Every structure is written in C-alpha cells, then in structure tokens.
Protein backbone atom coordinates (compact mmCIF):
# COMPACT_ATOMS: atom_id res chain seq x y z
CA MET A 1 35.23 -8.23 -1.20
CA PRO A 2 35.97 -6.32 2.03
CA ASN A 3 34.52 -2.90 1.14
CA PRO A 4 32.12 -3.07 -1.80
CA MET A 5 31.17 0.17 -3.55
CA THR A 6 27.69 1.32 -2.58
CA LYS A 7 25.29 3.61 -4.43
CA SER A 8 25.88 6.19 -1.70
CA ASP A 9 29.66 6.00 -2.22
CA SER A 10 29.20 6.39 -5.96
CA SER A 11 26.93 9.39 -5.55
CA ARG A 12 29.41 11.08 -3.22
CA ILE A 13 32.27 10.49 -5.67
CA GLN A 14 30.28 11.82 -8.62
CA SER A 15 29.25 14.90 -6.69
CA THR A 16 32.82 15.64 -5.59
CA GLN A 17 34.18 15.12 -9.12
CA ALA A 18 31.53 17.40 -10.64
CA ARG A 19 32.07 20.18 -8.08
CA SER A 20 35.83 20.12 -8.54
CA GLY A 21 35.65 20.11 -12.34
CA GLY A 22 37.00 16.58 -12.52
CA ASN A 23 36.71 14.06 -15.33
CA MET A 24 33.00 13.31 -15.80
CA SER A 25 33.47 11.25 -18.96
CA SER A 26 32.24 7.70 -19.36
CA GLY A 27 35.77 6.43 -18.72
CA GLY A 28 36.42 8.57 -15.65
CA PHE A 29 36.65 7.45 -12.05
CA ALA A 30 33.11 8.60 -11.18
CA ALA A 31 31.64 6.49 -13.99
CA ARG A 32 33.70 3.46 -12.95
CA ALA A 33 32.55 3.94 -9.34
CA GLN A 34 28.93 4.01 -10.49
CA GLY A 35 29.46 0.84 -12.50
CA ALA A 36 30.98 -0.92 -9.49
CA ALA A 37 28.07 0.16 -7.28
CA ASP A 38 25.58 -1.05 -9.89
CA ARG A 39 27.34 -4.42 -10.13
CA HIS A 40 27.38 -4.75 -6.34
CA ALA A 41 23.69 -3.87 -6.06
CA SER A 42 22.85 -6.32 -8.84
CA ALA A 43 24.86 -9.11 -7.24
CA ALA A 44 23.29 -8.44 -3.85
CA SER A 45 19.76 -8.61 -5.24
CA ALA A 46 20.61 -11.80 -7.15
CA GLN A 47 21.90 -13.44 -3.98
CA THR A 48 18.71 -12.65 -2.10
CA GLY A 49 16.59 -13.99 -4.94
CA ALA A 50 14.91 -10.64 -5.46
CA THR A 51 13.54 -10.02 -8.92
CA HIS A 52 12.84 -6.57 -10.22
CA ALA A 53 10.82 -6.78 -13.42
CA SER A 54 10.45 -3.01 -13.53
CA SER A 55 14.21 -2.53 -13.74
CA THR A 56 14.41 -3.97 -17.24
CA SER A 57 14.71 -0.52 -18.80
CA THR A 58 11.04 0.29 -19.18
CA HIS A 59 11.70 3.89 -18.20
CA SER A 60 12.39 6.52 -20.81
CA GLY A 61 15.04 9.19 -20.61
CA ALA A 62 18.61 9.33 -19.41
CA THR A 63 19.48 7.08 -16.52
CA GLY A 64 22.67 7.68 -14.63
CA SER A 65 25.43 7.74 -17.20
CA GLY A 66 24.84 11.17 -18.70
CA GLY A 67 23.52 13.36 -15.96
CA SER A 68 23.18 17.10 -16.28
CA GLN A 69 25.86 19.31 -17.71
CA GLN A 70 27.30 22.44 -16.24
CA PRO A 71 26.24 25.63 -18.04
CA GLY A 72 28.50 26.28 -21.00
CA ALA A 73 29.89 22.74 -21.06
CA THR A 74 29.96 20.88 -24.34
CA LYS A 75 29.21 17.19 -24.56
CA ARG A 76 31.70 15.06 -26.52
C-alpha cells in the first residue's frame, strides 16, 4: 500500500467535511477514511507485536463514530 491512511489524514478529512457541511453519516467519506486509518493503525501495531489491552473498549461514552453535532442538526 503506497500511501496508507493515517489518523492525521482522517482527522483532517473529517474536519473539512464538517466545516463544509458535507456528509457526516456513517457511510460518508469521512467515516470510511476513519475506518481505513483505524485498520492501518491496527495492522501496524499487530506487525510490531504491540498489544494494547486497554484498547478493548473499556472506556465508556462515544468513541469516534458519532462525534458532536452542529447546533440545530438532527441525528438520523
């Protein structure tokens, strides 16, 4: 893979989409970019043999996929 998606790339895409009023749904480009970055980060940590026991969803609350809404926006 010549140019894997990074967390930084994903964040930049999400920010640009949100500011421009773009599609912020779970099937939109920003969400797919985040998924690609997550897969890349996961694969990279697996290759290095790193284990992250704390990343097994022990945290409560929304993580990444929902985010905050703009004032007046309705969630579908």
